[in-house]
Amino acid sequence: MLRSMAPKNHSSANVQVRGQDDGCCGVFFLKYFLYIFNFIFLLSGLGLLAVALFTLYRTHYYVYILGGHFGAYAISNYLLLGTGGLIVLLIFVLGCCATCNKNRCCLITYSIFLMLVFLAEVGAGVLAYMYELTLASELSRRLSDAMHHYADDRVKWSIDSLQIYNRCCGLSSYEDWSKVPWSDVSFSNGTSAVPDSCCISPNPHCGLNTGPSNINTNGCLTLLEPLLEDHLIVIGGAGLGLCCLQIFGVIFACCLASKIRRWKVRENSYWE
């Protein structure tokens, strides 16, 4: 005889299939929890983007002093920027689609991306805090090295920006420029004593006069160090503070994928 299309033990099986939405760990609960999580996750991604863009804007003048685009400070910032972009552009959309369609494959992919975001945020936070511990000595060494390479146009742009915007000159004082073999513009009566960017009112050849009424006498190190330290604390705090959020997302996404798998197995057996 042909197998009947009617389900066996209709009432008990029906309760079993509907039971996937019962309780605090049911599909219904997990699904709407992930909706809420994705919304919070989107806000965190926008927050990471805002922090990364703000720190880049405030310190992009000094990138060649701090070791270029591959220095620890720049890498930690770029990690945070890339993580925020990944959250906004990919994970939020993927998470919502996977949750809405109850697609196990998308949910597993979503969990993998969440783990990658977690690792990137931890990496950015740890790198920022490690760099903060050596900031004073590292910054002194890099700024001194940059002054020795002032002839390089990119380094010159960074140092000039640093000295103009922070109203400072040299490493500890303007006298540091007399200790490095630099050459900006040579004049018939000699070489400028300090770069023109050291002047209180920068203009061509103003660096010839090193009088206190003409140039900024404060060193740049004491002004730049607290600025970078504050930004590193923000980067580290944002990275390590928000990485815990991903753990909850991974756990609940995996639970939902597992529930959906068991639900589909029960549903198939229900119609046998």
Protein backbone atom coordinates (compact mmCIF):
# COMPACT_ATOMS: atom_id res chain seq x y z
CA MET A 1 0.00 0.00 0.00
CA LEU A 2 1.05 3.56 -0.65
CA ARG A 3 2.21 5.44 2.40
CA SER A 4 -0.46 7.78 3.65
CA MET A 5 0.33 11.48 3.25
CA ALA A 6 -1.23 12.19 6.62
CA PRO A 7 1.27 12.52 9.48
CA LYS A 8 1.49 9.86 12.15
CA ASN A 9 0.74 10.84 15.73
CA HIS A 10 -0.46 14.20 14.45
CA SER A 11 -1.14 15.85 17.78
CA SER A 12 2.08 14.88 19.57
CA ALA A 13 4.27 15.59 16.52
CA ASN A 14 2.57 18.92 15.94
CA VAL A 15 3.31 19.92 19.52
CA GLN A 16 6.91 18.83 19.00
CA VAL A 17 7.31 21.01 15.88
CA ARG A 18 5.60 23.99 17.42
CA GLY A 19 7.74 23.55 20.50
CA GLN A 20 10.69 25.11 18.66
CA ASP A 21 9.30 28.52 19.66
CA ASP A 22 8.72 27.68 23.33
CA GLY A 23 10.90 28.93 26.16
CA CYS A 24 13.75 31.40 26.41
CA CYS A 25 15.95 29.28 24.13
CA GLY A 26 13.39 28.70 21.40
CA VAL A 27 13.81 29.81 17.79
CA PHE A 28 11.37 32.69 18.29
CA PHE A 29 13.35 34.08 21.24
CA LEU A 30 16.77 33.59 19.59
CA LYS A 31 15.58 35.13 16.34
CA TYR A 32 14.36 38.36 17.92
CA PHE A 33 17.31 38.50 20.26
CA LEU A 34 19.59 38.50 17.20
CA TYR A 35 17.52 41.30 15.65
CA ILE A 36 18.17 43.39 18.75
CA PHE A 37 21.82 42.30 18.81
CA ASN A 38 22.30 43.29 15.14
CA PHE A 39 20.88 46.75 15.81
CA ILE A 40 23.25 47.24 18.77
CA PHE A 41 26.04 45.76 16.66
CA LEU A 42 25.35 48.29 13.90
CA LEU A 43 25.60 51.13 16.42
CA SER A 44 28.91 49.72 17.66
CA GLY A 45 30.21 49.57 14.08
CA LEU A 46 29.24 53.19 13.51
CA GLY A 47 30.92 54.06 16.80
CA LEU A 48 34.15 52.32 15.75
CA LEU A 49 34.10 54.16 12.43
CA ALA A 50 33.60 57.48 14.21
CA VAL A 51 36.48 56.82 16.64
CA ALA A 52 38.84 55.65 13.89
CA LEU A 53 38.02 58.54 11.55
CA PHE A 54 38.35 61.07 14.37
CA THR A 55 41.80 59.79 15.42
CA LEU A 56 42.94 59.64 11.79
CA TYR A 57 41.80 63.21 11.24
CA ARG A 58 43.54 64.48 14.38
CA THR A 59 46.85 62.68 13.80
CA HIS A 60 47.19 62.13 10.03
CA TYR A 61 49.69 65.00 9.90
CA TYR A 62 52.13 62.98 12.01
CA VAL A 63 51.90 59.64 10.23
CA TYR A 64 55.45 59.84 8.79
CA ILE A 65 56.85 60.78 12.18
CA LEU A 66 55.18 57.77 13.81
CA GLY A 67 56.62 55.20 11.43
CA GLY A 68 54.53 55.72 8.31
CA HIS A 69 51.38 53.83 7.36
CA PHE A 70 52.89 50.58 8.71
CA GLY A 71 53.70 51.85 12.19
CA ALA A 72 51.97 50.35 15.24
CA TYR A 73 49.84 53.46 15.78
CA ALA A 74 48.63 53.56 12.17
CA ILE A 75 47.97 49.79 12.01
CA SER A 76 45.86 49.83 15.20
CA ASN A 77 43.83 52.71 13.78
CA TYR A 78 43.37 51.05 10.38
CA LEU A 79 42.30 47.80 12.10
CA LEU A 80 39.62 49.71 13.97
CA LEU A 81 38.53 51.51 10.80
CA GLY A 82 38.34 48.27 8.79
CA THR A 83 36.44 46.51 11.57
CA GLY A 84 33.84 49.28 11.75
CA GLY A 85 33.42 49.21 7.98
CA LEU A 86 33.07 45.41 7.97
CA ILE A 87 30.37 45.58 10.62
CA VAL A 88 28.35 48.24 8.80
CA LEU A 89 28.72 46.97 5.23
CA LEU A 90 28.71 43.19 5.62
CA ILE A 91 27.95 41.68 8.99
CA PHE A 92 24.86 43.76 9.78
CA VAL A 93 23.26 42.87 6.41
CA LEU A 94 24.36 39.23 6.59
CA GLY A 95 23.13 38.86 10.17
CA CYS A 96 19.71 40.34 9.43
CA CYS A 97 19.24 38.22 6.28
CA ALA A 98 20.38 35.04 8.04
CA THR A 99 18.07 35.66 11.00
CA CYS A 100 15.07 36.65 8.88
CA ASN A 101 15.36 33.64 6.53
CA LYS A 102 16.44 31.20 9.27
CA ASN A 103 19.28 30.10 6.99
CA ARG A 104 21.75 27.85 8.84
CA CYS A 105 24.55 28.37 6.31
CA CYS A 106 24.29 32.16 6.57
CA LEU A 107 24.12 31.97 10.36
CA ILE A 108 27.32 29.92 10.49
CA THR A 109 29.02 32.34 8.06
CA TYR A 110 27.78 35.20 10.23
CA SER A 111 29.34 33.57 13.30
CA ILE A 112 32.67 33.16 11.52
CA PHE A 113 32.71 36.84 10.54
CA LEU A 114 31.83 37.78 14.11
CA MET A 115 34.88 35.85 15.31
CA LEU A 116 37.05 37.67 12.76
CA VAL A 117 35.71 41.00 13.99
CA PHE A 118 36.41 39.89 17.56
CA LEU A 119 40.03 39.05 16.70
CA ALA A 120 40.51 42.34 14.81
CA GLU A 121 39.16 44.39 17.71
CA VAL A 122 41.32 42.52 20.22
CA GLY A 123 44.33 43.03 17.94
CA ALA A 124 43.69 46.77 17.62
CA GLY A 125 43.17 47.16 21.38
CA VAL A 126 46.24 45.15 22.39
CA LEU A 127 48.42 46.90 19.80
CA ALA A 128 47.26 50.32 21.02
CA TYR A 129 47.97 49.49 24.67
CA MET A 130 51.36 47.93 23.87
CA TYR A 131 52.35 51.04 21.91
CA GLU A 132 51.14 53.25 24.77
CA LEU A 133 53.55 51.54 27.19
CA THR A 134 56.55 52.47 25.03
CA LEU A 135 55.15 55.74 23.70
CA ALA A 136 57.55 58.14 25.45
CA SER A 137 60.79 56.46 24.34
CA GLU A 138 59.43 55.45 20.94
CA LEU A 139 58.10 58.91 20.17
CA SER A 140 61.37 60.57 21.22
CA ARG A 141 63.36 58.22 18.97
CA ARG A 142 61.04 58.62 15.98
CA LEU A 143 60.82 62.40 16.23
CA SER A 144 64.61 62.68 16.49
CA ASP A 145 64.99 60.38 13.48
CA ALA A 146 62.43 62.43 11.53
CA MET A 147 64.38 65.63 12.23
CA HIS A 148 67.46 63.97 10.72
CA HIS A 149 65.42 63.22 7.58
CA TYR A 150 63.80 66.62 7.26
CA ALA A 151 64.93 66.83 3.62
CA ASP A 152 62.38 64.13 2.75
CA ASP A 153 59.26 65.98 1.53
CA ARG A 154 56.84 63.68 3.37
CA VAL A 155 58.74 63.96 6.65
CA LYS A 156 59.08 67.72 6.16
CA TRP A 157 55.30 68.01 5.72
CA SER A 158 54.68 66.04 8.93
CA ILE A 159 57.17 68.02 11.01
CA ASP A 160 56.01 71.37 9.65
CA SER A 161 52.39 70.45 10.40
CA LEU A 162 53.36 69.33 13.91
CA GLN A 163 55.27 72.54 14.64
CA ILE A 164 52.70 74.92 13.13
CA TYR A 165 49.55 73.39 14.64
CA ASN A 166 51.07 72.77 18.08
CA ARG A 167 53.15 75.97 18.18
CA CYS A 168 56.32 74.12 19.07
CA CYS A 169 59.85 73.70 17.71
CA GLY A 170 62.26 70.78 17.86
CA LEU A 171 62.22 67.78 20.17
CA SER A 172 62.74 69.41 23.59
CA SER A 173 63.40 72.96 22.40
CA TYR A 174 64.27 74.92 19.25
CA GLU A 175 67.98 74.34 19.99
CA ASP A 176 67.60 70.69 18.92
CA TRP A 177 67.67 71.85 15.30
CA SER A 178 71.30 72.94 15.73
CA LYS A 179 72.22 69.35 16.59
CA VAL A 180 70.95 67.72 13.39
CA PRO A 181 72.36 68.06 9.85
CA TRP A 182 69.29 69.54 8.22
CA SER A 183 69.01 71.93 5.30
CA ASP A 184 65.78 73.62 4.27
CA VAL A 185 66.80 76.61 2.14
CA SER A 186 70.33 77.97 1.86
CA PHE A 187 70.82 81.71 1.70
CA SER A 188 73.76 83.77 0.75
CA ASN A 189 74.45 84.48 4.44
CA GLY A 190 74.09 80.89 5.58
CA THR A 191 71.41 78.32 6.36
CA SER A 192 68.22 79.02 8.29
CA ALA A 193 68.75 78.26 11.99
CA VAL A 194 65.35 76.58 12.40
CA PRO A 195 62.60 75.61 9.93
CA ASP A 196 60.20 78.39 9.07
CA SER A 197 57.41 76.31 10.65
CA CYS A 198 58.95 77.12 14.06
CA CYS A 199 58.04 80.78 13.68
CA ILE A 200 55.15 82.28 15.59
CA SER A 201 53.97 83.73 12.27
CA PRO A 202 55.45 81.40 9.63
CA ASN A 203 56.73 83.12 6.49
CA PRO A 204 59.67 82.53 4.13
CA HIS A 205 63.10 82.86 5.76
CA CYS A 206 61.66 83.74 9.17
CA GLY A 207 63.67 80.88 10.69
CA LEU A 208 66.86 82.94 10.44
CA ASN A 209 65.85 84.85 13.54
CA THR A 210 65.72 82.58 16.60
CA GLY A 211 64.70 85.29 19.04
CA PRO A 212 61.97 84.30 21.54
CA SER A 213 59.67 86.94 20.08
CA ASN A 214 59.91 85.33 16.64
CA ILE A 215 59.85 81.54 17.16
CA ASN A 216 58.08 79.04 19.40
CA THR A 217 60.57 77.89 22.02
CA ASN A 218 58.65 74.92 23.46
CA GLY A 219 59.61 71.42 22.34
CA CYS A 220 57.08 69.26 20.47
CA LEU A 221 57.58 66.06 22.45
CA THR A 222 55.79 67.24 25.59
CA LEU A 223 52.84 68.42 23.49
CA LEU A 224 52.56 65.44 21.14
CA GLU A 225 52.92 62.68 23.75
CA PRO A 226 49.72 63.39 25.76
CA LEU A 227 47.76 63.89 22.51
CA LEU A 228 48.77 60.47 21.16
CA GLU A 229 48.36 58.86 24.56
CA ASP A 230 44.74 60.01 24.73
CA HIS A 231 44.05 58.67 21.24
CA LEU A 232 45.66 55.32 22.04
CA ILE A 233 43.47 54.99 25.15
CA VAL A 234 40.40 55.68 23.01
CA ILE A 235 41.48 53.15 20.34
CA GLY A 236 42.32 50.48 22.92
CA GLY A 237 39.15 51.09 24.90
CA ALA A 238 36.95 50.96 21.81
CA GLY A 239 38.59 47.78 20.52
CA LEU A 240 38.72 45.80 23.76
CA GLY A 241 35.50 47.23 25.17
CA LEU A 242 33.31 46.26 22.23
CA CYS A 243 34.92 42.90 21.43
CA CYS A 244 32.90 41.22 24.20
CA LEU A 245 29.75 42.04 22.24
CA GLN A 246 30.74 39.61 19.48
CA ILE A 247 30.94 36.66 21.89
CA PHE A 248 27.23 36.94 22.66
CA GLY A 249 26.44 37.18 18.95
CA VAL A 250 28.44 34.04 18.15
CA ILE A 251 26.80 32.06 20.97
CA PHE A 252 23.23 33.00 20.07
CA ALA A 253 23.79 32.63 16.30
CA CYS A 254 25.18 29.11 16.82
CA CYS A 255 22.28 28.27 19.16
CA LEU A 256 19.78 29.45 16.56
CA ALA A 257 21.51 27.44 13.79
CA SER A 258 21.41 24.35 16.02
CA LYS A 259 17.73 24.90 16.87
CA ILE A 260 16.85 25.35 13.19
CA ARG A 261 18.65 22.10 12.31
CA ARG A 262 16.77 20.11 14.97
CA TRP A 263 13.52 21.82 13.98
CA LYS A 264 13.93 20.81 10.32
CA VAL A 265 14.76 17.21 11.28
CA ARG A 266 11.62 17.01 13.42
CA GLU A 267 9.53 18.65 10.71
CA ASN A 268 10.71 16.08 8.13
CA SER A 269 9.96 13.18 10.44
CA TYR A 270 6.58 14.69 11.22
CA TRP A 271 5.49 14.38 7.55
CA GLU A 272 6.83 10.84 7.03
